[in-house]
Amino acid sequence: MRVLVLAAVALLLVGCGAAHTVTQKVVTRTTFRVATAAPTLRVGVVGNIAVHVPGAKVEHGSLAKVAGDPLVLVRAGTTAATNLPAVARANPGTHYALVGASAAKLRLPNVVGLVIGDDAAAQLEGAVAGLVAQGEGVPAPRVGFVGVANTPLSFSFGTGVHSQTPEALVLRAWTSNAPAACKEAALTLLARGAVAIAAPGGTCGAAAVSGAHEQNAVALRITDFELLSVPAAEIVRDAVGGVFHGGEDLVFGPSSGAIGVGVLDERISQANVLRARTIAGRLASGLALAG
């Protein structure tokens, strides 16, 4: 019995000792800081224009669909561009950019024109036509230019051609902007021996290209060398920063990167496409065209 009592006392003493033991728990607190998303600017885009700018949420659609966005880009030469003045007047709180053409004649405070220098683009177009002619391996290859009579573009085109192939002959067919007339002019130049046809943009250019392709000939449009995504991105970046333009034209030249080689006729060899990109790089650097 005495042994049992001593054992019980020993257990009580152990229990009392355990009661004085303090167990500390270390609690790690993690603070999460949730970044507040920066407000995004809604940008409506009408027409085939690629725009990727941080801080902008781009929405492609019809002019009627995006007319209420803070900034709307409209590609020149489209039906929407024709309707732009009326829409801009009806939505004075929205800023519009006519991409690829002048808006000076509209005289609207909420419309800006994004203009690409046609002169340099025509020179680059001519240089590519000259490369095509050079590959013909004949003493005096011929290239054709379709356009309105005696415009500066036709002479810039000739300068580009002769920078690559001095012996080439530049044939010119003056026409109105009517698609049927432009196509007929292209076919006439091909019948005179042109190995490549150069044309303006818009419906006239599309018709001239159609005529050339029917004869399996190379066709170029000045819009092939106007990279509209460059001025479009510039105007969107300004708007994201709180700067909106209107009532003026912004002109983009070779140094801006807006003049370059886009998607060219598949009949042009890859070697000539690479040479064309090199020529575009020279223009962007402010250097003269060279063969």
C-alpha atoms as a PDB file:
ATOM      1  CA  MET A   1       0.000   0.000   0.000  1.00  0.00           C
ATOM      2  CA  ARG A   2       2.835   2.409   0.906  1.00  0.00           C
ATOM      3  CA  VAL A   3       4.439   1.784  -2.444  1.00  0.00           C
ATOM      4  CA  LEU A   4       1.230   2.654  -4.273  1.00  0.00           C
ATOM      5  CA  VAL A   5       0.875   5.909  -2.322  1.00  0.00           C
ATOM      6  CA  LEU A   6       4.424   6.958  -3.204  1.00  0.00           C
ATOM      7  CA  ALA A   7       3.813   6.200  -6.876  1.00  0.00           C
ATOM      8  CA  ALA A   8       0.685   8.342  -6.883  1.00  0.00           C
ATOM      9  CA  VAL A   9       2.566  11.214  -5.247  1.00  0.00           C
ATOM     10  CA  ALA A  10       5.289  10.937  -7.879  1.00  0.00           C
ATOM     11  CA  LEU A  11       2.718  11.158 -10.672  1.00  0.00           C
ATOM     12  CA  LEU A  12       1.196  14.275  -9.080  1.00  0.00           C
ATOM     13  CA  LEU A  13       4.597  15.917  -8.893  1.00  0.00           C
ATOM     14  CA  VAL A  14       5.254  15.202 -12.551  1.00  0.00           C
ATOM     15  CA  GLY A  15       1.877  16.659 -13.466  1.00  0.00           C
ATOM     16  CA  CYS A  16       2.626  19.795 -11.455  1.00  0.00           C
ATOM     17  CA  GLY A  17       5.927  20.215 -13.257  1.00  0.00           C
ATOM     18  CA  ALA A  18       4.180  19.919 -16.615  1.00  0.00           C
ATOM     19  CA  ALA A  19       1.798  22.645 -15.559  1.00  0.00           C
ATOM     20  CA  HIS A  20       4.696  25.128 -15.363  1.00  0.00           C
ATOM     21  CA  THR A  21       5.885  24.378 -18.906  1.00  0.00           C
ATOM     22  CA  VAL A  22       4.851  27.147 -21.364  1.00  0.00           C
ATOM     23  CA  THR A  23       4.582  26.229 -25.024  1.00  0.00           C
ATOM     24  CA  GLN A  24       5.064  29.223 -27.375  1.00  0.00           C
ATOM     25  CA  LYS A  25       3.591  29.186 -30.867  1.00  0.00           C
ATOM     26  CA  VAL A  26       5.219  31.467 -33.422  1.00  0.00           C
ATOM     27  CA  VAL A  27       2.565  32.876 -35.772  1.00  0.00           C
ATOM     28  CA  THR A  28       3.862  34.120 -39.107  1.00  0.00           C
ATOM     29  CA  ARG A  29       1.722  36.862 -40.574  1.00  0.00           C
ATOM     30  CA  THR A  30       1.900  37.403 -44.344  1.00  0.00           C
ATOM     31  CA  THR A  31       0.703  40.712 -45.731  1.00  0.00           C
ATOM     32  CA  PHE A  32      -0.704  40.597 -49.245  1.00  0.00           C
ATOM     33  CA  ARG A  33      -0.731  43.813 -51.238  1.00  0.00           C
ATOM     34  CA  VAL A  34      -3.127  43.524 -54.106  1.00  0.00           C
ATOM     35  CA  ALA A  35      -2.087  45.842 -56.921  1.00  0.00           C
ATOM     36  CA  THR A  36      -4.887  48.016 -58.152  1.00  0.00           C
ATOM     37  CA  ALA A  37      -5.304  47.562 -61.866  1.00  0.00           C
ATOM     38  CA  ALA A  38      -4.579  50.715 -63.816  1.00  0.00           C
ATOM     39  CA  PRO A  39      -7.606  52.045 -65.653  1.00  0.00           C
ATOM     40  CA  THR A  40      -7.682  51.016 -69.298  1.00  0.00           C
ATOM     41  CA  LEU A  41      -8.639  53.261 -72.178  1.00  0.00           C
ATOM     42  CA  ARG A  42     -11.289  51.863 -74.494  1.00  0.00           C
ATOM     43  CA  VAL A  43     -10.221  52.265 -78.107  1.00  0.00           C
ATOM     44  CA  GLY A  44     -12.520  51.443 -80.994  1.00  0.00           C
ATOM     45  CA  VAL A  45     -10.927  50.355 -84.269  1.00  0.00           C
ATOM     46  CA  VAL A  46     -12.740  50.362 -87.600  1.00  0.00           C
ATOM     47  CA  GLY A  47     -10.920  48.616 -90.427  1.00  0.00           C
ATOM     48  CA  ASN A  48      -7.880  46.388 -90.652  1.00  0.00           C
ATOM     49  CA  ILE A  49      -5.499  48.124 -88.236  1.00  0.00           C
ATOM     50  CA  ALA A  50      -3.421  46.229 -85.669  1.00  0.00           C
ATOM     51  CA  VAL A  51      -2.987  48.074 -82.361  1.00  0.00           C
ATOM     52  CA  HIS A  52      -1.299  46.695 -79.226  1.00  0.00           C
ATOM     53  CA  VAL A  53      -0.594  49.331 -76.588  1.00  0.00           C
ATOM     54  CA  PRO A  54      -0.373  48.746 -72.811  1.00  0.00           C
ATOM     55  CA  GLY A  55      -3.201  50.497 -71.017  1.00  0.00           C
ATOM     56  CA  ALA A  56      -5.571  50.313 -73.976  1.00  0.00           C
ATOM     57  CA  LYS A  57      -8.447  47.896 -74.472  1.00  0.00           C
ATOM     58  CA  VAL A  58      -8.969  47.623 -78.219  1.00  0.00           C
ATOM     59  CA  GLU A  59     -12.390  46.809 -79.628  1.00  0.00           C
ATOM     60  CA  HIS A  60     -12.772  46.109 -83.354  1.00  0.00           C
ATOM     61  CA  GLY A  61     -16.163  46.714 -84.908  1.00  0.00           C
ATOM     62  CA  SER A  62     -18.351  48.944 -87.015  1.00  0.00           C
ATOM     63  CA  LEU A  63     -18.294  52.701 -86.572  1.00  0.00           C
ATOM     64  CA  ALA A  64     -21.783  52.587 -85.107  1.00  0.00           C
ATOM     65  CA  LYS A  65     -20.680  49.992 -82.539  1.00  0.00           C
ATOM     66  CA  VAL A  66     -17.587  51.795 -81.248  1.00  0.00           C
ATOM     67  CA  ALA A  67     -18.643  55.420 -81.800  1.00  0.00           C
ATOM     68  CA  GLY A  68     -19.018  56.034 -78.067  1.00  0.00           C
ATOM     69  CA  ASP A  69     -15.526  54.891 -77.051  1.00  0.00           C
ATOM     70  CA  PRO A  70     -13.184  57.663 -75.836  1.00  0.00           C
ATOM     71  CA  LEU A  71     -10.914  57.138 -78.872  1.00  0.00           C
ATOM     72  CA  VAL A  72     -11.883  55.660 -82.236  1.00  0.00           C
ATOM     73  CA  LEU A  73      -9.488  54.848 -85.089  1.00  0.00           C
ATOM     74  CA  VAL A  74     -10.962  54.715 -88.591  1.00  0.00           C
ATOM     75  CA  ARG A  75      -8.999  53.445 -91.564  1.00  0.00           C
ATOM     76  CA  ALA A  76      -9.014  55.794 -94.549  1.00  0.00           C
ATOM     77  CA  GLY A  77     -10.592  54.534 -97.751  1.00  0.00           C
ATOM     78  CA  THR A  78     -13.370  52.648 -95.981  1.00  0.00           C
ATOM     79  CA  THR A  79     -17.090  53.368 -95.969  1.00  0.00           C
ATOM     80  CA  ALA A  80     -16.752  54.301 -92.307  1.00  0.00           C
ATOM     81  CA  ALA A  81     -14.230  57.006 -93.257  1.00  0.00           C
ATOM     82  CA  THR A  82     -16.854  58.556 -95.537  1.00  0.00           C
ATOM     83  CA  ASN A  83     -19.335  58.621 -92.651  1.00  0.00           C
ATOM     84  CA  LEU A  84     -16.802  59.853 -90.096  1.00  0.00           C
ATOM     85  CA  PRO A  85     -17.591  63.614 -90.274  1.00  0.00           C
ATOM     86  CA  ALA A  86     -21.258  63.111 -89.438  1.00  0.00           C
ATOM     87  CA  VAL A  87     -20.496  60.651 -86.645  1.00  0.00           C
ATOM     88  CA  ALA A  88     -17.827  62.935 -85.156  1.00  0.00           C
ATOM     89  CA  ARG A  89     -20.241  65.870 -85.088  1.00  0.00           C
ATOM     90  CA  ALA A  90     -22.865  63.709 -83.363  1.00  0.00           C
ATOM     91  CA  ASN A  91     -20.365  62.545 -80.711  1.00  0.00           C
ATOM     92  CA  PRO A  92     -18.331  65.610 -79.664  1.00  0.00           C
ATOM     93  CA  GLY A  93     -17.081  63.841 -76.535  1.00  0.00           C
ATOM     94  CA  THR A  94     -15.313  61.128 -78.548  1.00  0.00           C
ATOM     95  CA  HIS A  95     -11.941  61.646 -80.227  1.00  0.00           C
ATOM     96  CA  TYR A  96     -11.447  60.182 -83.706  1.00  0.00           C
ATOM     97  CA  ALA A  97      -8.351  59.468 -85.780  1.00  0.00           C
ATOM     98  CA  LEU A  98      -8.519  59.051 -89.555  1.00  0.00           C
ATOM     99  CA  VAL A  99      -5.647  56.620 -90.126  1.00  0.00           C
ATOM    100  CA  GLY A 100      -3.858  57.026 -93.445  1.00  0.00           C
ATOM    101  CA  ALA A 101      -5.334  60.299 -94.705  1.00  0.00           C
ATOM    102  CA  SER A 102      -5.638  63.995 -93.965  1.00  0.00           C
ATOM    103  CA  ALA A 103      -8.477  65.323 -91.840  1.00  0.00           C
ATOM    104  CA  ALA A 104      -7.598  68.994 -92.393  1.00  0.00           C
ATOM    105  CA  LYS A 105     -10.585  69.695 -94.641  1.00  0.00           C
ATOM    106  CA  LEU A 106     -12.998  68.396 -92.014  1.00  0.00           C
ATOM    107  CA  ARG A 107     -12.033  71.148 -89.558  1.00  0.00           C
ATOM    108  CA  LEU A 108     -13.403  69.180 -86.614  1.00  0.00           C
ATOM    109  CA  PRO A 109     -11.817  69.658 -83.174  1.00  0.00           C
ATOM    110  CA  ASN A 110     -12.274  65.990 -82.265  1.00  0.00           C
ATOM    111  CA  VAL A 111     -10.806  64.485 -85.469  1.00  0.00           C
ATOM    112  CA  VAL A 112      -7.089  64.110 -86.218  1.00  0.00           C
ATOM    113  CA  GLY A 113      -5.592  62.902 -89.488  1.00  0.00           C
ATOM    114  CA  LEU A 114      -2.698  60.437 -89.372  1.00  0.00           C
ATOM    115  CA  VAL A 115      -0.838  60.988 -92.637  1.00  0.00           C
ATOM    116  CA  ILE A 116       2.044  58.887 -93.962  1.00  0.00           C
ATOM    117  CA  GLY A 117       4.429  60.644 -96.335  1.00  0.00           C
ATOM    118  CA  ASP A 118       3.424  59.404 -99.790  1.00  0.00           C
ATOM    119  CA  ASP A 119       6.621  60.613-101.423  1.00  0.00           C
ATOM    120  CA  ALA A 120       8.917  58.212 -99.561  1.00  0.00           C
ATOM    121  CA  ALA A 121       6.391  55.380 -99.851  1.00  0.00           C
ATOM    122  CA  ALA A 122       6.250  55.895-103.633  1.00  0.00           C
ATOM    123  CA  GLN A 123      10.054  55.819-103.807  1.00  0.00           C
ATOM    124  CA  LEU A 124      10.121  52.510-101.952  1.00  0.00           C
ATOM    125  CA  GLU A 125       7.367  51.162-104.204  1.00  0.00           C
ATOM    126  CA  GLY A 126       9.461  52.183-107.228  1.00  0.00           C
ATOM    127  CA  ALA A 127      12.575  50.553-105.787  1.00  0.00           C
ATOM    128  CA  VAL A 128      10.759  47.230-105.456  1.00  0.00           C
ATOM    129  CA  ALA A 129       9.433  47.530-109.008  1.00  0.00           C
ATOM    130  CA  GLY A 130      13.025  48.207-110.075  1.00  0.00           C
ATOM    131  CA  LEU A 131      14.196  45.029-108.352  1.00  0.00           C
ATOM    132  CA  VAL A 132      11.539  43.042-110.207  1.00  0.00           C
ATOM    133  CA  ALA A 133      12.598  44.617-113.522  1.00  0.00           C
ATOM    134  CA  GLN A 134      16.250  43.907-112.778  1.00  0.00           C
ATOM    135  CA  GLY A 135      15.481  40.212-112.563  1.00  0.00           C
ATOM    136  CA  GLU A 136      14.144  40.139-116.113  1.00  0.00           C
ATOM    137  CA  GLY A 137      17.670  40.160-117.515  1.00  0.00           C
ATOM    138  CA  VAL A 138      16.793  42.283-120.548  1.00  0.00           C
ATOM    139  CA  PRO A 139      18.501  45.535-121.701  1.00  0.00           C
ATOM    140  CA  ALA A 140      15.568  47.866-120.996  1.00  0.00           C
ATOM    141  CA  PRO A 141      12.892  46.247-118.798  1.00  0.00           C
ATOM    142  CA  ARG A 142       9.605  48.083-118.420  1.00  0.00           C
ATOM    143  CA  VAL A 143       7.488  48.828-115.380  1.00  0.00           C
ATOM    144  CA  GLY A 144       4.147  50.618-115.309  1.00  0.00           C
ATOM    145  CA  PHE A 145       2.588  53.263-113.075  1.00  0.00           C
ATOM    146  CA  VAL A 146      -1.175  53.808-112.902  1.00  0.00           C
ATOM    147  CA  GLY A 147      -2.376  57.093-111.439  1.00  0.00           C
ATOM    148  CA  VAL A 148      -3.670  60.620-111.783  1.00  0.00           C
ATOM    149  CA  ALA A 149      -1.753  62.693-114.344  1.00  0.00           C
ATOM    150  CA  ASN A 150       1.542  64.309-113.337  1.00  0.00           C
ATOM    151  CA  THR A 151       1.258  63.839-109.591  1.00  0.00           C
ATOM    152  CA  PRO A 152       4.474  64.039-107.546  1.00  0.00           C
ATOM    153  CA  LEU A 153       3.987  60.374-106.671  1.00  0.00           C
ATOM    154  CA  SER A 154       4.644  59.260-110.241  1.00  0.00           C
ATOM    155  CA  PHE A 155       7.998  61.045-110.277  1.00  0.00           C
ATOM    156  CA  SER A 156       8.958  59.678-106.843  1.00  0.00           C
ATOM    157  CA  PHE A 157       8.093  56.229-108.136  1.00  0.00           C
ATOM    158  CA  GLY A 158      10.421  56.752-111.125  1.00  0.00           C
ATOM    159  CA  THR A 159      13.227  57.843-108.797  1.00  0.00           C
ATOM    160  CA  GLY A 160      12.827  54.618-106.845  1.00  0.00           C
ATOM    161  CA  VAL A 161      12.837  52.468-109.989  1.00  0.00           C
ATOM    162  CA  HIS A 162      16.026  54.029-111.365  1.00  0.00           C
ATOM    163  CA  SER A 163      17.802  53.755-107.998  1.00  0.00           C
ATOM    164  CA  GLN A 164      17.818  49.988-108.562  1.00  0.00           C
ATOM    165  CA  THR A 165      17.679  49.616-112.338  1.00  0.00           C
ATOM    166  CA  PRO A 166      18.861  52.781-114.126  1.00  0.00           C
ATOM    167  CA  GLU A 167      18.153  51.317-117.560  1.00  0.00           C
ATOM    168  CA  ALA A 168      14.482  50.533-116.808  1.00  0.00           C
ATOM    169  CA  LEU A 169      11.723  52.332-118.693  1.00  0.00           C
ATOM    170  CA  VAL A 170       8.861  53.715-116.604  1.00  0.00           C
ATOM    171  CA  LEU A 171       5.561  53.650-118.485  1.00  0.00           C
ATOM    172  CA  ARG A 172       2.763  55.809-117.116  1.00  0.00           C
ATOM    173  CA  ALA A 173      -0.966  55.507-117.696  1.00  0.00           C
ATOM    174  CA  TRP A 174      -2.965  58.503-116.466  1.00  0.00           C
ATOM    175  CA  THR A 175      -6.464  57.696-115.311  1.00  0.00           C
ATOM    176  CA  SER A 176      -9.288  58.773-113.050  1.00  0.00           C
ATOM    177  CA  ASN A 177      -9.868  56.983-109.755  1.00  0.00           C
ATOM    178  CA  ALA A 178     -12.744  54.966-111.216  1.00  0.00           C
ATOM    179  CA  PRO A 179     -11.980  51.241-110.674  1.00  0.00           C
ATOM    180  CA  ALA A 180     -12.861  50.255-114.248  1.00  0.00           C
ATOM    181  CA  ALA A 181     -10.543  52.924-115.656  1.00  0.00           C
ATOM    182  CA  CYS A 182      -7.715  51.887-113.342  1.00  0.00           C
ATOM    183  CA  LYS A 183      -7.981  48.239-114.336  1.00  0.00           C
ATOM    184  CA  GLU A 184      -8.044  49.145-118.024  1.00  0.00           C
ATOM    185  CA  ALA A 185      -4.951  51.318-117.547  1.00  0.00           C
ATOM    186  CA  ALA A 186      -3.096  48.432-115.904  1.00  0.00           C
ATOM    187  CA  LEU A 187      -3.985  46.071-118.739  1.00  0.00           C
ATOM    188  CA  THR A 188      -2.806  48.662-121.280  1.00  0.00           C
ATOM    189  CA  LEU A 189       0.578  48.948-119.569  1.00  0.00           C
ATOM    190  CA  LEU A 190       0.964  45.174-119.511  1.00  0.00           C
ATOM    191  CA  ALA A 191       0.182  45.052-123.222  1.00  0.00           C
ATOM    192  CA  ARG A 192       3.041  47.553-123.722  1.00  0.00           C
ATOM    193  CA  GLY A 193       5.470  45.181-122.027  1.00  0.00           C
ATOM    194  CA  ALA A 194       5.445  46.211-118.367  1.00  0.00           C
ATOM    195  CA  VAL A 195       6.663  43.416-116.057  1.00  0.00           C
ATOM    196  CA  ALA A 196       5.244  45.058-112.920  1.00  0.00           C
ATOM    197  CA  ILE A 197       2.355  47.412-112.248  1.00  0.00           C
ATOM    198  CA  ALA A 198       2.370  50.060-109.520  1.00  0.00           C
ATOM    199  CA  ALA A 199      -0.860  51.681-108.386  1.00  0.00           C
ATOM    200  CA  PRO A 200      -2.271  53.934-105.654  1.00  0.00           C
ATOM    201  CA  GLY A 201      -4.336  52.602-102.784  1.00  0.00           C
ATOM    202  CA  GLY A 202      -8.108  52.454-102.446  1.00  0.00           C
ATOM    203  CA  THR A 203     -10.501  51.021-105.000  1.00  0.00           C
ATOM    204  CA  CYS A 204      -8.366  52.233-107.917  1.00  0.00           C
ATOM    205  CA  GLY A 205      -5.353  50.334-106.653  1.00  0.00           C
ATOM    206  CA  ALA A 206      -7.404  47.209-105.989  1.00  0.00           C
ATOM    207  CA  ALA A 207      -8.746  47.263-109.553  1.00  0.00           C
ATOM    208  CA  ALA A 208      -5.273  47.754-111.046  1.00  0.00           C
ATOM    209  CA  VAL A 209      -3.922  44.861-108.988  1.00  0.00           C
ATOM    210  CA  SER A 210      -6.809  42.679-110.133  1.00  0.00           C
ATOM    211  CA  GLY A 211      -6.006  43.417-113.775  1.00  0.00           C
ATOM    212  CA  ALA A 212      -2.303  42.645-113.299  1.00  0.00           C
ATOM    213  CA  HIS A 213      -2.981  39.372-111.516  1.00  0.00           C
ATOM    214  CA  GLU A 214      -5.296  38.256-114.294  1.00  0.00           C
ATOM    215  CA  GLN A 215      -2.208  38.397-116.497  1.00  0.00           C
ATOM    216  CA  ASN A 216      -0.029  36.769-113.789  1.00  0.00           C
ATOM    217  CA  ALA A 217       2.032  39.956-113.462  1.00  0.00           C
ATOM    218  CA  VAL A 218       3.502  41.547-110.335  1.00  0.00           C
ATOM    219  CA  ALA A 219       1.391  44.333-108.849  1.00  0.00           C
ATOM    220  CA  LEU A 220       2.242  46.851-106.116  1.00  0.00           C
ATOM    221  CA  ARG A 221       0.161  49.402-104.257  1.00  0.00           C
ATOM    222  CA  ILE A 222       1.528  52.368-102.382  1.00  0.00           C
ATOM    223  CA  THR A 223      -0.411  51.143 -99.339  1.00  0.00           C
ATOM    224  CA  ASP A 224       1.840  48.040 -99.330  1.00  0.00           C
ATOM    225  CA  PHE A 225       4.539  50.367 -98.002  1.00  0.00           C
ATOM    226  CA  GLU A 226       2.499  52.379 -95.493  1.00  0.00           C
ATOM    227  CA  LEU A 227       2.537  50.658 -92.091  1.00  0.00           C
ATOM    228  CA  LEU A 228      -0.612  52.092 -90.520  1.00  0.00           C
ATOM    229  CA  SER A 229      -0.058  50.323 -87.208  1.00  0.00           C
ATOM    230  CA  VAL A 230       2.807  52.734 -86.434  1.00  0.00           C
ATOM    231  CA  PRO A 231       0.826  56.021 -86.364  1.00  0.00           C
ATOM    232  CA  ALA A 232      -2.139  54.177 -84.866  1.00  0.00           C
ATOM    233  CA  ALA A 233      -0.047  52.990 -81.919  1.00  0.00           C
ATOM    234  CA  GLU A 234       1.442  56.466 -81.476  1.00  0.00           C
ATOM    235  CA  ILE A 235      -1.945  58.155 -81.186  1.00  0.00           C
ATOM    236  CA  VAL A 236      -3.186  55.488 -78.764  1.00  0.00           C
ATOM    237  CA  ARG A 237      -0.084  55.855 -76.554  1.00  0.00           C
ATOM    238  CA  ASP A 238      -0.708  59.597 -76.370  1.00  0.00           C
ATOM    239  CA  ALA A 239      -4.338  59.013 -75.430  1.00  0.00           C
ATOM    240  CA  VAL A 240      -3.404  56.515 -72.701  1.00  0.00           C
ATOM    241  CA  GLY A 241      -1.185  59.274 -71.318  1.00  0.00           C
ATOM    242  CA  GLY A 242      -4.093  61.698 -71.362  1.00  0.00           C
ATOM    243  CA  VAL A 243      -3.203  63.560 -74.559  1.00  0.00           C
ATOM    244  CA  PHE A 244      -5.803  63.658 -77.330  1.00  0.00           C
ATOM    245  CA  HIS A 245      -5.355  65.262 -80.736  1.00  0.00           C
ATOM    246  CA  GLY A 246      -7.907  66.940 -82.968  1.00  0.00           C
ATOM    247  CA  GLY A 247      -8.337  69.565 -85.649  1.00  0.00           C
ATOM    248  CA  GLU A 248      -4.944  68.826 -87.202  1.00  0.00           C
ATOM    249  CA  ASP A 249      -2.852  66.352 -89.184  1.00  0.00           C
ATOM    250  CA  LEU A 250       0.088  64.416 -87.802  1.00  0.00           C
ATOM    251  CA  VAL A 251       2.562  63.435 -90.525  1.00  0.00           C
ATOM    252  CA  PHE A 252       4.762  60.341 -90.234  1.00  0.00           C
ATOM    253  CA  GLY A 253       7.859  59.924 -92.392  1.00  0.00           C
ATOM    254  CA  PRO A 254      10.448  57.160 -92.882  1.00  0.00           C
ATOM    255  CA  SER A 255      12.230  57.836 -89.583  1.00  0.00           C
ATOM    256  CA  SER A 256       9.041  57.047 -87.649  1.00  0.00           C
ATOM    257  CA  GLY A 257       8.979  53.501 -89.008  1.00  0.00           C
ATOM    258  CA  ALA A 258       5.655  54.127 -90.731  1.00  0.00           C
ATOM    259  CA  ILE A 259       7.152  53.527 -94.182  1.00  0.00           C
ATOM    260  CA  GLY A 260       8.378  50.001 -94.742  1.00  0.00           C
ATOM    261  CA  VAL A 261       7.674  46.725 -96.471  1.00  0.00           C
ATOM    262  CA  GLY A 262       4.317  45.182 -95.681  1.00  0.00           C
ATOM    263  CA  VAL A 263       2.764  42.135 -97.312  1.00  0.00           C
ATOM    264  CA  LEU A 264       3.922  42.071-100.937  1.00  0.00           C
ATOM    265  CA  ASP A 265       2.770  40.230-104.028  1.00  0.00           C
ATOM    266  CA  GLU A 266       3.624  36.540-103.694  1.00  0.00           C
ATOM    267  CA  ARG A 267       5.146  36.694-107.185  1.00  0.00           C
ATOM    268  CA  ILE A 268       8.051  38.715-105.771  1.00  0.00           C
ATOM    269  CA  SER A 269      10.975  36.508-104.736  1.00  0.00           C
ATOM    270  CA  GLN A 270      12.020  36.298-101.097  1.00  0.00           C
ATOM    271  CA  ALA A 271      15.473  37.553-102.088  1.00  0.00           C
ATOM    272  CA  ASN A 272      13.909  40.748-103.439  1.00  0.00           C
ATOM    273  CA  VAL A 273      11.704  41.099-100.370  1.00  0.00           C
ATOM    274  CA  LEU A 274      14.823  41.008 -98.192  1.00  0.00           C
ATOM    275  CA  ARG A 275      16.537  43.555-100.428  1.00  0.00           C
ATOM    276  CA  ALA A 276      13.445  45.753-100.190  1.00  0.00           C
ATOM    277  CA  ARG A 277      13.604  45.650 -96.391  1.00  0.00           C
ATOM    278  CA  THR A 278      17.230  46.744 -96.542  1.00  0.00           C
ATOM    279  CA  ILE A 279      16.255  49.680 -98.761  1.00  0.00           C
ATOM    280  CA  ALA A 280      13.468  50.602 -96.327  1.00  0.00           C
ATOM    281  CA  GLY A 281      16.041  50.596 -93.544  1.00  0.00           C
ATOM    282  CA  ARG A 282      18.187  53.043 -95.485  1.00  0.00           C
ATOM    283  CA  LEU A 283      15.234  55.379 -95.903  1.00  0.00           C
ATOM    284  CA  ALA A 284      14.448  55.162 -92.189  1.00  0.00           C
ATOM    285  CA  SER A 285      18.054  56.112 -91.423  1.00  0.00           C
ATOM    286  CA  GLY A 286      17.814  59.182 -93.638  1.00  0.00           C
ATOM    287  CA  LEU A 287      20.031  57.737 -96.359  1.00  0.00           C
ATOM    288  CA  ALA A 288      19.400  58.058-100.087  1.00  0.00           C
ATOM    289  CA  LEU A 289      18.112  55.083-102.060  1.00  0.00           C
ATOM    290  CA  ALA A 290      20.877  52.931-103.481  1.00  0.00           C
ATOM    291  CA  GLY A 291      21.110  49.786-105.543  1.00  0.00           C
END
